[in-house]
Amino acid sequence: MHEGKKMTVEQYYAQVKKYRLQYPHLPCLHLGSLQRTMYMPIELCTVAPGQVVMRKLTEMQTRNMVREAATPAPVRKEKIMT
């Protein structure tokens, strides 16, 4: 929401900040408290080396992470065999 108008992060940066996102398909980072929704395009962020996240992931986030990180059994077997 910007001035009572609902818009995407890409639209916000194009109209308000006059910046065209190079990677609008990438996810955004949720910054600040959970009460105030503030999203930052990941292409505009720099993560300090060694920075850690102290909060626990939600059940959905954990499920998605495991799903993305999991190696299918045939691929894992092939890696072991080679």
PDB file of N, CA and C in Angstrom:
ATOM      1  N   MET A   1       0.842  -1.183   0.000  1.00  0.00           N
ATOM      2  CA  MET A   1       0.000   0.000   0.000  1.00  0.00           C
ATOM      3  C   MET A   1       0.888   1.249   0.000  1.00  0.00           C
ATOM      4  N   HIS A   2       0.599   2.126  -0.909  1.00  0.00           N
ATOM      5  CA  HIS A   2       1.288   3.418  -0.948  1.00  0.00           C
ATOM      6  C   HIS A   2       0.224   4.492  -1.138  1.00  0.00           C
ATOM      7  N   GLU A   3       0.098   5.348  -0.133  1.00  0.00           N
ATOM      8  CA  GLU A   3      -0.899   6.418  -0.155  1.00  0.00           C
ATOM      9  C   GLU A   3      -2.295   5.862  -0.406  1.00  0.00           C
ATOM     10  N   GLY A   4      -2.605   4.733   0.247  1.00  0.00           N
ATOM     11  CA  GLY A   4      -3.923   4.125   0.133  1.00  0.00           C
ATOM     12  C   GLY A   4      -4.148   3.320  -1.130  1.00  0.00           C
ATOM     13  N   LYS A   5      -3.146   3.221  -1.977  1.00  0.00           N
ATOM     14  CA  LYS A   5      -3.277   2.496  -3.244  1.00  0.00           C
ATOM     15  C   LYS A   5      -2.463   1.214  -3.174  1.00  0.00           C
ATOM     16  N   LYS A   6      -3.099   0.117  -3.543  1.00  0.00           N
ATOM     17  CA  LYS A   6      -2.418  -1.170  -3.543  1.00  0.00           C
ATOM     18  C   LYS A   6      -1.645  -1.342  -4.849  1.00  0.00           C
ATOM     19  N   MET A   7      -0.355  -1.719  -4.730  1.00  0.00           N
ATOM     20  CA  MET A   7       0.467  -1.922  -5.924  1.00  0.00           C
ATOM     21  C   MET A   7       1.530  -2.961  -5.638  1.00  0.00           C
ATOM     22  N   THR A   8       2.103  -3.515  -6.682  1.00  0.00           N
ATOM     23  CA  THR A   8       3.175  -4.490  -6.527  1.00  0.00           C
ATOM     24  C   THR A   8       4.465  -3.763  -6.167  1.00  0.00           C
ATOM     25  N   VAL A   9       5.442  -4.520  -5.696  1.00  0.00           N
ATOM     26  CA  VAL A   9       6.746  -3.944  -5.377  1.00  0.00           C
ATOM     27  C   VAL A   9       7.370  -3.366  -6.647  1.00  0.00           C
ATOM     28  N   GLU A  10       7.233  -4.077  -7.750  1.00  0.00           N
ATOM     29  CA  GLU A  10       7.777  -3.601  -9.029  1.00  0.00           C
ATOM     30  C   GLU A  10       7.137  -2.270  -9.431  1.00  0.00           C
ATOM     31  N   GLN A  11       5.816  -2.180  -9.299  1.00  0.00           N
ATOM     32  CA  GLN A  11       5.119  -0.938  -9.639  1.00  0.00           C
ATOM     33  C   GLN A  11       5.547   0.205  -8.711  1.00  0.00           C
ATOM     34  N   TYR A  12       5.697  -0.107  -7.420  1.00  0.00           N
ATOM     35  CA  TYR A  12       6.108   0.902  -6.444  1.00  0.00           C
ATOM     36  C   TYR A  12       7.465   1.494  -6.822  1.00  0.00           C
ATOM     37  N   TYR A  13       8.433   0.634  -7.106  1.00  0.00           N
ATOM     38  CA  TYR A  13       9.767   1.141  -7.429  1.00  0.00           C
ATOM     39  C   TYR A  13       9.771   1.887  -8.758  1.00  0.00           C
ATOM     40  N   ALA A  14       8.957   1.490  -9.694  1.00  0.00           N
ATOM     41  CA  ALA A  14       8.902   2.189 -10.983  1.00  0.00           C
ATOM     42  C   ALA A  14       8.262   3.567 -10.833  1.00  0.00           C
ATOM     43  N   GLN A  15       7.148   3.641 -10.099  1.00  0.00           N
ATOM     44  CA  GLN A  15       6.404   4.904 -10.003  1.00  0.00           C
ATOM     45  C   GLN A  15       6.962   5.846  -8.942  1.00  0.00           C
ATOM     46  N   VAL A  16       7.278   5.337  -7.769  1.00  0.00           N
ATOM     47  CA  VAL A  16       7.677   6.201  -6.658  1.00  0.00           C
ATOM     48  C   VAL A  16       9.178   6.464  -6.646  1.00  0.00           C
ATOM     49  N   LYS A  17       9.968   5.430  -6.806  1.00  0.00           N
ATOM     50  CA  LYS A  17      11.423   5.563  -6.713  1.00  0.00           C
ATOM     51  C   LYS A  17      12.085   5.805  -8.070  1.00  0.00           C
ATOM     52  N   LYS A  18      11.302   5.705  -9.147  1.00  0.00           N
ATOM     53  CA  LYS A  18      11.830   5.891 -10.518  1.00  0.00           C
ATOM     54  C   LYS A  18      12.981   4.934 -10.806  1.00  0.00           C
ATOM     55  N   TYR A  19      12.816   3.681 -10.357  1.00  0.00           N
ATOM     56  CA  TYR A  19      13.841   2.650 -10.541  1.00  0.00           C
ATOM     57  C   TYR A  19      13.191   1.431 -11.161  1.00  0.00           C
ATOM     58  N   ARG A  20      13.728   0.959 -12.268  1.00  0.00           N
ATOM     59  CA  ARG A  20      13.207  -0.227 -12.935  1.00  0.00           C
ATOM     60  C   ARG A  20      13.967  -1.443 -12.421  1.00  0.00           C
ATOM     61  N   LEU A  21      13.255  -2.374 -11.791  1.00  0.00           N
ATOM     62  CA  LEU A  21      13.885  -3.576 -11.256  1.00  0.00           C
ATOM     63  C   LEU A  21      14.436  -4.422 -12.399  1.00  0.00           C
ATOM     64  N   GLN A  22      15.658  -4.898 -12.230  1.00  0.00           N
ATOM     65  CA  GLN A  22      16.278  -5.746 -13.240  1.00  0.00           C
ATOM     66  C   GLN A  22      15.793  -7.189 -13.129  1.00  0.00           C
ATOM     67  N   TYR A  23      15.425  -7.595 -11.907  1.00  0.00           N
ATOM     68  CA  TYR A  23      15.012  -8.972 -11.652  1.00  0.00           C
ATOM     69  C   TYR A  23      13.674  -8.989 -10.910  1.00  0.00           C
ATOM     70  N   PRO A  24      12.595  -8.546 -11.542  1.00  0.00           N
ATOM     71  CA  PRO A  24      11.303  -8.467 -10.841  1.00  0.00           C
ATOM     72  C   PRO A  24      10.724  -9.834 -10.471  1.00  0.00           C
ATOM     73  N   HIS A  25      11.251 -10.903 -11.058  1.00  0.00           N
ATOM     74  CA  HIS A  25      10.739 -12.240 -10.776  1.00  0.00           C
ATOM     75  C   HIS A  25      11.326 -12.834  -9.501  1.00  0.00           C
ATOM     76  N   LEU A  26      12.397 -12.219  -8.954  1.00  0.00           N
ATOM     77  CA  LEU A  26      13.010 -12.731  -7.730  1.00  0.00           C
ATOM     78  C   LEU A  26      12.162 -12.370  -6.518  1.00  0.00           C
ATOM     79  N   PRO A  27      12.220 -13.187  -5.454  1.00  0.00           N
ATOM     80  CA  PRO A  27      11.433 -12.872  -4.251  1.00  0.00           C
ATOM     81  C   PRO A  27      11.976 -11.637  -3.550  1.00  0.00           C
ATOM     82  N   CYS A  28      11.144 -11.059  -2.705  1.00  0.00           N
ATOM     83  CA  CYS A  28      11.535  -9.891  -1.910  1.00  0.00           C
ATOM     84  C   CYS A  28      11.840 -10.326  -0.485  1.00  0.00           C
ATOM     85  N   LEU A  29      12.601  -9.493   0.207  1.00  0.00           N
ATOM     86  CA  LEU A  29      12.863  -9.719   1.624  1.00  0.00           C
ATOM     87  C   LEU A  29      11.819  -8.966   2.429  1.00  0.00           C
ATOM     88  N   HIS A  30      11.314  -9.611   3.474  1.00  0.00           N
ATOM     89  CA  HIS A  30      10.373  -8.956   4.378  1.00  0.00           C
ATOM     90  C   HIS A  30      11.189  -8.329   5.488  1.00  0.00           C
ATOM     91  N   LEU A  31      11.161  -7.005   5.581  1.00  0.00           N
ATOM     92  CA  LEU A  31      11.966  -6.282   6.561  1.00  0.00           C
ATOM     93  C   LEU A  31      11.072  -5.700   7.641  1.00  0.00           C
ATOM     94  N   GLY A  32      11.650  -5.491   8.803  1.00  0.00           N
ATOM     95  CA  GLY A  32      10.927  -4.837   9.886  1.00  0.00           C
ATOM     96  C   GLY A  32      10.037  -5.787  10.653  1.00  0.00           C
ATOM     97  N   SER A  33       9.067  -5.224  11.348  1.00  0.00           N
ATOM     98  CA  SER A  33       8.175  -6.014  12.192  1.00  0.00           C
ATOM     99  C   SER A  33       7.083  -6.671  11.351  1.00  0.00           C
ATOM    100  N   LEU A  34       6.403  -7.632  11.974  1.00  0.00           N
ATOM    101  CA  LEU A  34       5.324  -8.313  11.266  1.00  0.00           C
ATOM    102  C   LEU A  34       4.084  -7.424  11.143  1.00  0.00           C
ATOM    103  N   GLN A  35       3.968  -6.400  12.008  1.00  0.00           N
ATOM    104  CA  GLN A  35       2.812  -5.498  11.951  1.00  0.00           C
ATOM    105  C   GLN A  35       2.897  -4.538  10.774  1.00  0.00           C
ATOM    106  N   ARG A  36       4.104  -4.142  10.421  1.00  0.00           N
ATOM    107  CA  ARG A  36       4.287  -3.193   9.310  1.00  0.00           C
ATOM    108  C   ARG A  36       4.932  -3.940   8.143  1.00  0.00           C
ATOM    109  N   THR A  37       4.175  -4.187   7.111  1.00  0.00           N
ATOM    110  CA  THR A  37       4.676  -4.918   5.962  1.00  0.00           C
ATOM    111  C   THR A  37       5.569  -4.018   5.122  1.00  0.00           C
ATOM    112  N   MET A  38       6.823  -4.436   4.979  1.00  0.00           N
ATOM    113  CA  MET A  38       7.772  -3.684   4.170  1.00  0.00           C
ATOM    114  C   MET A  38       8.606  -4.695   3.385  1.00  0.00           C
ATOM    115  N   TYR A  39       8.524  -4.630   2.074  1.00  0.00           N
ATOM    116  CA  TYR A  39       9.247  -5.564   1.224  1.00  0.00           C
ATOM    117  C   TYR A  39      10.362  -4.840   0.484  1.00  0.00           C
ATOM    118  N   MET A  40      11.518  -5.486   0.401  1.00  0.00           N
ATOM    119  CA  MET A  40      12.675  -4.911  -0.278  1.00  0.00           C
ATOM    120  C   MET A  40      13.103  -5.870  -1.384  1.00  0.00           C
ATOM    121  N   PRO A  41      13.219  -5.396  -2.622  1.00  0.00           N
ATOM    122  CA  PRO A  41      13.707  -6.264  -3.696  1.00  0.00           C
ATOM    123  C   PRO A  41      15.094  -6.792  -3.342  1.00  0.00           C
ATOM    124  N   ILE A  42      15.285  -8.069  -3.533  1.00  0.00           N
ATOM    125  CA  ILE A  42      16.545  -8.699  -3.144  1.00  0.00           C
ATOM    126  C   ILE A  42      17.728  -8.132  -3.919  1.00  0.00           C
ATOM    127  N   GLU A  43      17.481  -7.612  -5.116  1.00  0.00           N
ATOM    128  CA  GLU A  43      18.591  -7.061  -5.907  1.00  0.00           C
ATOM    129  C   GLU A  43      19.146  -5.771  -5.299  1.00  0.00           C
ATOM    130  N   LEU A  44      18.428  -5.153  -4.387  1.00  0.00           N
ATOM    131  CA  LEU A  44      18.884  -3.928  -3.748  1.00  0.00           C
ATOM    132  C   LEU A  44      19.500  -4.177  -2.374  1.00  0.00           C
ATOM    133  N   CYS A  45      19.636  -5.436  -1.984  1.00  0.00           N
ATOM    134  CA  CYS A  45      20.137  -5.780  -0.652  1.00  0.00           C
ATOM    135  C   CYS A  45      21.544  -6.354  -0.708  1.00  0.00           C
ATOM    136  N   THR A  46      22.266  -6.128   0.369  1.00  0.00           N
ATOM    137  CA  THR A  46      23.579  -6.727   0.565  1.00  0.00           C
ATOM    138  C   THR A  46      23.550  -7.415   1.921  1.00  0.00           C
ATOM    139  N   VAL A  47      23.861  -8.694   1.943  1.00  0.00           N
ATOM    140  CA  VAL A  47      23.879  -9.450   3.184  1.00  0.00           C
ATOM    141  C   VAL A  47      25.321  -9.516   3.673  1.00  0.00           C
ATOM    142  N   ALA A  48      25.512  -9.113   4.907  1.00  0.00           N
ATOM    143  CA  ALA A  48      26.856  -9.126   5.487  1.00  0.00           C
ATOM    144  C   ALA A  48      27.323 -10.569   5.653  1.00  0.00           C
ATOM    145  N   PRO A  49      28.600 -10.847   5.383  1.00  0.00           N
ATOM    146  CA  PRO A  49      29.118 -12.208   5.554  1.00  0.00           C
ATOM    147  C   PRO A  49      28.927 -12.687   6.995  1.00  0.00           C
ATOM    148  N   GLY A  50      28.467 -13.917   7.125  1.00  0.00           N
ATOM    149  CA  GLY A  50      28.280 -14.513   8.444  1.00  0.00           C
ATOM    150  C   GLY A  50      27.002 -14.105   9.139  1.00  0.00           C
ATOM    151  N   GLN A  51      26.143 -13.341   8.484  1.00  0.00           N
ATOM    152  CA  GLN A  51      24.896 -12.904   9.111  1.00  0.00           C
ATOM    153  C   GLN A  51      23.964 -14.099   9.267  1.00  0.00           C
ATOM    154  N   VAL A  52      23.347 -14.223  10.421  1.00  0.00           N
ATOM    155  CA  VAL A  52      22.466 -15.353  10.699  1.00  0.00           C
ATOM    156  C   VAL A  52      21.054 -14.870  10.961  1.00  0.00           C
ATOM    157  N   VAL A  53      20.106 -15.777  10.792  1.00  0.00           N
ATOM    158  CA  VAL A  53      18.709 -15.517  11.096  1.00  0.00           C
ATOM    159  C   VAL A  53      18.388 -16.254  12.387  1.00  0.00           C
ATOM    160  N   MET A  54      17.886 -15.541  13.363  1.00  0.00           N
ATOM    161  CA  MET A  54      17.636 -16.144  14.669  1.00  0.00           C
ATOM    162  C   MET A  54      16.202 -16.641  14.835  1.00  0.00           C
ATOM    163  N   ARG A  55      15.303 -16.255  13.974  1.00  0.00           N
ATOM    164  CA  ARG A  55      13.912 -16.679  14.164  1.00  0.00           C
ATOM    165  C   ARG A  55      13.659 -18.029  13.517  1.00  0.00           C
ATOM    166  N   LYS A  56      12.665 -18.719  14.017  1.00  0.00           N
ATOM    167  CA  LYS A  56      12.314 -20.035  13.510  1.00  0.00           C
ATOM    168  C   LYS A  56      11.472 -19.882  12.240  1.00  0.00           C
ATOM    169  N   LEU A  57      11.722 -20.752  11.263  1.00  0.00           N
ATOM    170  CA  LEU A  57      10.941 -20.738  10.040  1.00  0.00           C
ATOM    171  C   LEU A  57       9.541 -21.254  10.314  1.00  0.00           C
ATOM    172  N   THR A  58       8.576 -20.762   9.542  1.00  0.00           N
ATOM    173  CA  THR A  58       7.220 -21.291   9.664  1.00  0.00           C
ATOM    174  C   THR A  58       7.191 -22.694   9.080  1.00  0.00           C
ATOM    175  N   GLU A  59       6.113 -23.406   9.347  1.00  0.00           N
ATOM    176  CA  GLU A  59       5.973 -24.767   8.817  1.00  0.00           C
ATOM    177  C   GLU A  59       6.029 -24.772   7.294  1.00  0.00           C
ATOM    178  N   MET A  60       5.378 -23.805   6.662  1.00  0.00           N
ATOM    179  CA  MET A  60       5.369 -23.703   5.197  1.00  0.00           C
ATOM    180  C   MET A  60       6.770 -23.402   4.667  1.00  0.00           C
ATOM    181  N   GLN A  61       7.509 -22.496   5.316  1.00  0.00           N
ATOM    182  CA  GLN A  61       8.863 -22.168   4.883  1.00  0.00           C
ATOM    183  C   GLN A  61       9.780 -23.377   5.004  1.00  0.00           C
ATOM    184  N   THR A  62       9.646 -24.122   6.099  1.00  0.00           N
ATOM    185  CA  THR A  62      10.450 -25.329   6.296  1.00  0.00           C
ATOM    186  C   THR A  62      10.135 -26.356   5.225  1.00  0.00           C
ATOM    187  N   ARG A  63       8.860 -26.556   4.953  1.00  0.00           N
ATOM    188  CA  ARG A  63       8.434 -27.515   3.937  1.00  0.00           C
ATOM    189  C   ARG A  63       8.993 -27.144   2.569  1.00  0.00           C
ATOM    190  N   ASN A  64       8.909 -25.864   2.214  1.00  0.00           N
ATOM    191  CA  ASN A  64       9.417 -25.413   0.917  1.00  0.00           C
ATOM    192  C   ASN A  64      10.929 -25.554   0.820  1.00  0.00           C
ATOM    193  N   MET A  65      11.643 -25.247   1.917  1.00  0.00           N
ATOM    194  CA  MET A  65      13.092 -25.361   1.914  1.00  0.00           C
ATOM    195  C   MET A  65      13.516 -26.814   1.723  1.00  0.00           C
ATOM    196  N   VAL A  66      12.877 -27.725   2.455  1.00  0.00           N
ATOM    197  CA  VAL A  66      13.208 -29.149   2.335  1.00  0.00           C
ATOM    198  C   VAL A  66      12.902 -29.640   0.928  1.00  0.00           C
ATOM    199  N   ARG A  67      11.788 -29.213   0.372  1.00  0.00           N
ATOM    200  CA  ARG A  67      11.392 -29.633  -0.972  1.00  0.00           C
ATOM    201  C   ARG A  67      12.412 -29.169  -2.018  1.00  0.00           C
ATOM    202  N   GLU A  68      12.907 -27.937  -1.868  1.00  0.00           N
ATOM    203  CA  GLU A  68      13.883 -27.407  -2.817  1.00  0.00           C
ATOM    204  C   GLU A  68      15.262 -28.030  -2.632  1.00  0.00           C
ATOM    205  N   ALA A  69      15.627 -28.325  -1.391  1.00  0.00           N
ATOM    206  CA  ALA A  69      16.967 -28.834  -1.111  1.00  0.00           C
ATOM    207  C   ALA A  69      17.093 -30.342  -1.286  1.00  0.00           C
ATOM    208  N   ALA A  70      15.979 -31.047  -1.253  1.00  0.00           N
ATOM    209  CA  ALA A  70      16.015 -32.504  -1.326  1.00  0.00           C
ATOM    210  C   ALA A  70      16.492 -32.974  -2.704  1.00  0.00           C
ATOM    211  N   THR A  71      17.332 -33.999  -2.703  1.00  0.00           N
ATOM    212  CA  THR A  71      17.815 -34.599  -3.944  1.00  0.00           C
ATOM    213  C   THR A  71      17.014 -35.867  -4.192  1.00  0.00           C
ATOM    214  N   PRO A  72      16.442 -36.037  -5.386  1.00  0.00           N
ATOM    215  CA  PRO A  72      15.697 -37.260  -5.676  1.00  0.00           C
ATOM    216  C   PRO A  72      16.601 -38.498  -5.511  1.00  0.00           C
ATOM    217  N   ALA A  73      16.012 -39.602  -5.097  1.00  0.00           N
ATOM    218  CA  ALA A  73      16.764 -40.832  -4.831  1.00  0.00           C
ATOM    219  C   ALA A  73      17.627 -41.280  -6.017  1.00  0.00           C
ATOM    220  N   PRO A  74      17.107 -41.310  -7.248  1.00  0.00           N
ATOM    221  CA  PRO A  74      17.950 -41.745  -8.372  1.00  0.00           C
ATOM    222  C   PRO A  74      19.184 -40.851  -8.579  1.00  0.00           C
ATOM    223  N   VAL A  75      19.016 -39.541  -8.388  1.00  0.00           N
ATOM    224  CA  VAL A  75      20.137 -38.616  -8.552  1.00  0.00           C
ATOM    225  C   VAL A  75      21.157 -38.850  -7.439  1.00  0.00           C
ATOM    226  N   ARG A  76      20.661 -39.028  -6.204  1.00  0.00           N
ATOM    227  CA  ARG A  76      21.555 -39.280  -5.080  1.00  0.00           C
ATOM    228  C   ARG A  76      22.324 -40.577  -5.275  1.00  0.00           C
ATOM    229  N   LYS A  77      21.646 -41.633  -5.776  1.00  0.00           N
ATOM    230  CA  LYS A  77      22.301 -42.912  -6.027  1.00  0.00           C
ATOM    231  C   LYS A  77      23.389 -42.767  -7.092  1.00  0.00           C
ATOM    232  N   GLU A  78      23.090 -42.013  -8.147  1.00  0.00           N
ATOM    233  CA  GLU A  78      24.057 -41.797  -9.228  1.00  0.00           C
ATOM    234  C   GLU A  78      25.304 -41.081  -8.716  1.00  0.00           C
ATOM    235  N   LYS A  79      25.108 -40.090  -7.849  1.00  0.00           N
ATOM    236  CA  LYS A  79      26.248 -39.375  -7.264  1.00  0.00           C
ATOM    237  C   LYS A  79      27.109 -40.311  -6.434  1.00  0.00           C
ATOM    238  N   ILE A  80      26.472 -41.201  -5.683  1.00  0.00           N
ATOM    239  CA  ILE A  80      27.216 -42.165  -4.863  1.00  0.00           C
ATOM    240  C   ILE A  80      27.980 -43.138  -5.749  1.00  0.00           C
ATOM    241  N   MET A  81      27.347 -43.597  -6.799  1.00  0.00           N
ATOM    242  CA  MET A  81      27.971 -44.588  -7.684  1.00  0.00           C
ATOM    243  C   MET A  81      29.179 -43.990  -8.431  1.00  0.00           C
ATOM    244  N   THR A  82      29.110 -42.704  -8.772  1.00  0.00           N
ATOM    245  CA  THR A  82      30.244 -42.093  -9.480  1.00  0.00           C
ATOM    246  C   THR A  82      31.276 -41.670  -8.487  1.00  0.00           C
TER     247      THR A  82
END
